[in-house]
Amino acid sequence: MSAPVEQQAAAIMRGAEFGDEATRRTMERELRERLAEGRPLRVYCGYDPTAVDLHLGHTLTMRKLRTFQ
């Protein structure tokens, strides 16, 4: 059984920064709606994890993507 929607949303939003408050509220609302409806989340980050030119800076987004699994 998956965690309650509030816990899932809090885990995914933790540490995220947004340009403005309206964007944060919109994204949080849409995330909660998807989680409550049981719709799958699709996330994309534009780099190849097997590439030779990855560096330490890429781990920030890799770790955040891990919370979606």
Protein backbone atom coordinates (compact mmCIF):
# COMPACT_ATOMS: atom_id res chain seq x y z
CA MET A 1 0.00 0.00 0.00
CA SER A 2 1.34 3.44 -0.87
CA ALA A 3 1.80 6.30 1.56
CA PRO A 4 -1.04 8.81 2.01
CA VAL A 5 -1.22 11.59 -0.58
CA GLU A 6 -0.05 14.23 1.91
CA GLN A 7 3.13 12.26 2.70
CA GLN A 8 3.85 11.58 -0.96
CA ALA A 9 3.39 15.22 -1.95
CA ALA A 10 5.53 16.45 0.94
CA ALA A 11 8.36 14.06 0.02
CA ILE A 12 8.34 15.10 -3.63
CA MET A 13 8.09 18.86 -2.93
CA ARG A 14 10.78 18.80 -0.21
CA GLY A 15 13.79 20.91 -1.22
CA ALA A 16 12.18 22.22 -4.41
CA GLU A 17 12.55 25.90 -5.26
CA PHE A 18 10.14 27.80 -7.50
CA GLY A 19 10.43 31.18 -9.18
CA ASP A 20 7.29 32.51 -7.56
CA GLU A 21 4.57 31.49 -5.14
CA ALA A 22 1.87 31.12 -7.80
CA THR A 23 3.96 28.53 -9.67
CA ARG A 24 4.58 26.58 -6.47
CA ARG A 25 0.88 26.53 -5.57
CA THR A 26 -0.14 25.44 -9.07
CA MET A 27 2.42 22.65 -9.21
CA GLU A 28 1.57 21.45 -5.71
CA ARG A 29 -2.17 21.41 -6.50
CA GLU A 30 -1.62 19.47 -9.74
CA LEU A 31 0.68 17.01 -7.96
CA ARG A 32 -1.85 16.37 -5.20
CA GLU A 33 -4.64 15.87 -7.75
CA ARG A 34 -2.60 13.29 -9.69
CA LEU A 35 -1.63 11.43 -6.53
CA ALA A 36 -5.21 11.42 -5.21
CA GLU A 37 -6.53 10.10 -8.54
CA GLY A 38 -3.82 7.44 -8.72
CA ARG A 39 -2.61 8.74 -12.08
CA PRO A 40 1.04 7.98 -12.86
CA LEU A 41 3.64 10.72 -12.69
CA ARG A 42 5.93 11.12 -15.68
CA VAL A 43 9.20 12.91 -15.07
CA TYR A 44 11.94 13.77 -17.56
CA CYS A 45 15.42 15.16 -17.03
CA GLY A 46 17.44 15.81 -20.18
CA TYR A 47 20.69 13.94 -19.65
CA ASP A 48 21.96 10.42 -20.23
CA PRO A 49 22.83 8.73 -16.91
CA THR A 50 25.30 6.47 -18.75
CA ALA A 51 27.20 9.36 -20.37
CA VAL A 52 30.90 9.86 -19.65
CA ASP A 53 30.51 13.62 -19.10
CA LEU A 54 28.27 13.43 -16.02
CA HIS A 55 29.57 15.31 -12.99
CA LEU A 56 28.74 15.81 -9.34
CA GLY A 57 26.23 18.56 -10.15
CA HIS A 58 24.00 16.03 -11.90
CA THR A 59 23.48 14.16 -8.64
CA LEU A 60 21.12 16.90 -7.40
CA THR A 61 18.51 16.09 -10.01
CA MET A 62 19.25 12.36 -9.87
CA ARG A 63 18.54 12.30 -6.14
CA LYS A 64 15.33 14.29 -6.61
CA LEU A 65 14.20 11.95 -9.40
CA ARG A 66 14.76 9.05 -7.00
CA THR A 67 11.92 10.36 -4.79
CA PHE A 68 9.53 9.74 -7.69
CA GLN A 69 10.29 6.01 -7.78
